[in-house]
């Protein structure tokens, strides 16, 4: 994917009453509010790179007659690609063909009905893309507590064992043992 290059300017679409603290942009880019960025840095969390200021040119979707609410200052960040690898044996992932590359582990991905990471492969990042699920943003328990403590908006966190991506409606794989993903 092509990277977003400066100057960082954007138009936002408002769904709901207020703009959130966390907005998925294009590709792997994310916009975070200045409030989010400051707390992230202060608490020493890891896994986000960049923190470039973004100029919001316009917000579409505001209702007529409502007073202008302030537009938060946003920063462009990109989650890192972590070394944590999807555990192919313990995850409930359907492949059209088995992955042949041990690095990317994503050839022929058809559906996800929960996943686990290989023991010892995670290096402690608080937010990252794991090997094998580059399009799935994964966070640590510390990040989850951080979001709850600060009340950040526009994020829905799902346990990895309960995460579902199933665009073709395929049946989940059977579990090998109770409680495993």
Protein backbone atom coordinates (compact mmCIF):
# COMPACT_ATOMS: atom_id res chain seq x y z
CA UNK A 1 0.00 0.00 0.00
CA UNK A 2 1.13 3.51 -0.66
CA UNK A 3 1.98 5.50 2.47
CA UNK A 4 0.15 8.72 3.27
CA UNK A 5 2.70 11.48 2.72
CA UNK A 6 2.72 15.03 4.13
CA UNK A 7 0.97 17.37 4.22
CA UNK A 8 -1.51 15.35 6.29
CA UNK A 9 -4.95 16.77 5.51
CA UNK A 10 -8.29 15.01 5.69
CA UNK A 11 -12.06 15.26 5.68
CA UNK A 12 -13.90 13.31 8.36
CA UNK A 13 -17.39 11.82 8.31
CA UNK A 14 -19.29 12.05 11.57
CA UNK A 15 -21.42 9.05 12.54
CA UNK A 16 -23.18 9.89 15.79
CA UNK A 17 -22.85 12.85 18.10
CA UNK A 18 -19.11 13.40 18.45
CA UNK A 19 -15.85 12.53 16.73
CA UNK A 20 -13.97 9.70 18.45
CA UNK A 21 -10.50 9.38 19.90
CA UNK A 22 -9.56 6.60 17.45
CA UNK A 23 -10.34 6.68 13.71
CA UNK A 24 -9.24 4.12 11.14
CA UNK A 25 -7.96 5.97 8.10
CA UNK A 26 -6.71 4.28 4.94
CA UNK A 27 -4.40 1.30 4.75
CA UNK A 28 -2.76 0.77 8.12
CA UNK A 29 -3.03 4.44 9.15
CA UNK A 30 -4.98 5.53 12.22
CA UNK A 31 -5.94 8.96 13.49
CA UNK A 32 -5.82 9.42 17.25
CA UNK A 33 -6.93 12.42 19.26
CA UNK A 34 -4.31 14.57 20.92
CA UNK A 35 -5.78 13.45 24.26
CA UNK A 36 -5.18 9.80 23.31
CA UNK A 37 -1.64 10.49 22.06
CA UNK A 38 -0.66 12.38 25.21
CA UNK A 39 -1.94 9.64 27.52
CA UNK A 40 -0.29 6.93 25.36
CA UNK A 41 3.08 8.64 25.65
CA UNK A 42 2.72 9.48 29.36
CA UNK A 43 1.91 5.87 30.25
CA UNK A 44 4.79 4.52 28.17
CA UNK A 45 2.72 2.29 25.91
CA UNK A 46 4.38 0.92 22.77
CA UNK A 47 3.52 -0.09 19.23
CA UNK A 48 2.43 3.17 17.58
CA UNK A 49 4.76 5.05 15.26
CA UNK A 50 4.54 8.51 13.72
CA UNK A 51 2.42 10.93 15.75
CA UNK A 52 2.22 13.44 12.87
CA UNK A 53 -0.28 16.34 13.17
CA UNK A 54 -3.25 16.16 10.79
CA UNK A 55 -5.23 19.13 9.52
CA UNK A 56 -8.98 18.42 9.45
CA UNK A 57 -10.35 20.40 6.51
CA UNK A 58 -14.01 19.51 6.93
CA UNK A 59 -16.38 17.32 8.93
CA UNK A 60 -19.28 15.90 6.94
CA UNK A 61 -22.41 14.48 8.54
CA UNK A 62 -23.10 17.15 11.10
CA UNK A 63 -26.77 17.83 11.62
CA UNK A 64 -28.11 21.20 10.68
CA UNK A 65 -29.08 23.38 13.60
CA UNK A 66 -26.65 21.79 16.02
CA UNK A 67 -24.00 24.10 17.32
CA UNK A 68 -20.49 23.50 16.11
CA UNK A 69 -18.74 21.16 18.51
CA UNK A 70 -14.98 21.55 18.67
CA UNK A 71 -12.98 19.33 16.35
CA UNK A 72 -10.26 17.52 18.29
CA UNK A 73 -6.68 17.83 17.11
CA UNK A 74 -5.68 14.53 15.49
CA UNK A 75 -2.36 12.83 14.91
CA UNK A 76 -1.53 10.22 12.30
CA UNK A 77 -0.07 7.00 13.71
CA UNK A 78 0.73 3.59 12.30
CA UNK A 79 0.71 0.44 14.43
CA UNK A 80 3.89 -1.60 14.17
CA UNK A 81 4.15 -5.01 12.59
CA UNK A 82 5.03 -7.10 15.60
CA UNK A 83 7.03 -10.31 15.80
CA UNK A 84 4.15 -12.10 17.55
CA UNK A 85 3.00 -14.92 15.29
CA UNK A 86 -0.39 -16.56 14.98
CA UNK A 87 -0.33 -20.07 16.39
CA UNK A 88 -1.64 -22.03 13.42
CA UNK A 89 -2.32 -25.16 15.49
CA UNK A 90 -4.34 -23.45 18.27
CA UNK A 91 -6.18 -20.85 16.18
CA UNK A 92 -9.49 -21.45 14.46
CA UNK A 93 -8.53 -20.04 11.07
CA UNK A 94 -9.69 -21.45 7.73
CA UNK A 95 -7.28 -21.39 4.83
CA UNK A 96 -8.01 -22.17 1.18
CA UNK A 97 -4.46 -23.47 1.05
CA UNK A 98 -1.97 -23.89 3.86
CA UNK A 99 0.40 -20.96 4.39
CA UNK A 100 3.77 -21.59 2.79
CA UNK A 101 5.61 -18.57 4.19
CA UNK A 102 6.51 -18.83 7.88
CA UNK A 103 7.00 -15.05 8.04
CA UNK A 104 3.65 -13.77 6.75
CA UNK A 105 1.52 -16.90 7.42
CA UNK A 106 -1.49 -15.54 5.57
CA UNK A 107 -1.70 -17.28 2.18
CA UNK A 108 -5.28 -18.26 1.35
CA UNK A 109 -6.94 -16.88 4.49
CA UNK A 110 -10.71 -17.56 4.23
CA UNK A 111 -12.14 -17.07 7.75
CA UNK A 112 -11.19 -16.46 11.37
CA UNK A 113 -13.18 -17.80 14.32
CA UNK A 114 -10.72 -16.95 17.08
CA UNK A 115 -6.96 -16.93 17.20
CA UNK A 116 -4.03 -17.38 19.57
CA UNK A 117 -0.44 -16.23 19.39
CA UNK A 118 2.54 -18.56 19.55
CA UNK A 119 4.01 -18.72 23.03
CA UNK A 120 7.22 -16.71 23.25
CA UNK A 121 6.74 -14.83 19.96
CA UNK A 122 5.18 -11.64 21.41
CA UNK A 123 7.72 -8.97 22.40
CA UNK A 124 5.42 -6.89 24.59
CA UNK A 125 4.05 -4.29 22.15
CA UNK A 126 0.78 -2.81 23.38
CA UNK A 127 -0.75 -2.42 19.91
CA UNK A 128 0.47 -4.23 16.79
CA UNK A 129 -0.29 -6.31 13.72
CA UNK A 130 0.67 -9.96 14.34
CA UNK A 131 2.38 -12.13 11.75
CA UNK A 132 -0.32 -14.14 10.04
CA UNK A 133 -3.07 -11.54 10.53
CA UNK A 134 -1.51 -8.33 9.22
CA UNK A 135 -4.93 -6.71 8.78
CA UNK A 136 -6.03 -7.43 12.36
CA UNK A 137 -5.03 -4.86 14.95
CA UNK A 138 -4.14 -6.66 18.18
CA UNK A 139 -3.69 -5.07 21.60
CA UNK A 140 -2.33 -6.09 24.99
CA UNK A 141 -4.31 -6.34 28.22
CA UNK A 142 -2.44 -3.23 29.36
CA UNK A 143 -3.83 -1.36 26.32
CA UNK A 144 -7.33 -2.59 27.15
CA UNK A 145 -7.04 -1.22 30.71
CA UNK A 146 -5.61 2.04 29.31
CA UNK A 147 -8.65 2.52 27.04
CA UNK A 148 -11.11 1.77 29.85
CA UNK A 149 -9.32 3.99 32.38
CA UNK A 150 -9.34 7.02 30.06
CA UNK A 151 -12.75 6.40 28.47
CA UNK A 152 -11.43 6.63 24.92
CA UNK A 153 -14.11 6.42 22.26
CA UNK A 154 -14.62 4.80 18.87
CA UNK A 155 -12.89 1.52 19.77
CA UNK A 156 -14.41 -1.92 20.17
CA UNK A 157 -12.02 -4.41 21.72
CA UNK A 158 -12.71 -8.14 21.26
CA UNK A 159 -10.92 -11.05 22.89
CA UNK A 160 -8.73 -12.80 20.33
CA UNK A 161 -10.49 -16.11 21.08
CA UNK A 162 -13.82 -14.48 20.17
CA UNK A 163 -12.67 -12.49 17.13
CA UNK A 164 -14.61 -13.41 13.98
CA UNK A 165 -13.89 -12.43 10.39
CA UNK A 166 -15.97 -14.52 8.05
CA UNK A 167 -16.87 -12.75 4.79
CA UNK A 168 -18.05 -15.95 3.06
CA UNK A 169 -20.08 -17.42 5.94
CA UNK A 170 -17.90 -20.52 6.39
CA UNK A 171 -18.47 -22.85 9.34
CA UNK A 172 -15.99 -22.52 12.21
CA UNK A 173 -13.37 -25.18 12.66
CA UNK A 174 -13.95 -27.54 15.60
CA UNK A 175 -11.96 -26.78 18.74
CA UNK A 176 -9.32 -29.27 19.72
CA UNK A 177 -9.83 -28.84 23.46
CA UNK A 178 -12.25 -26.87 25.64
CA UNK A 179 -11.26 -23.24 26.09
CA UNK A 180 -8.77 -23.14 23.22
CA UNK A 181 -9.14 -20.75 20.34
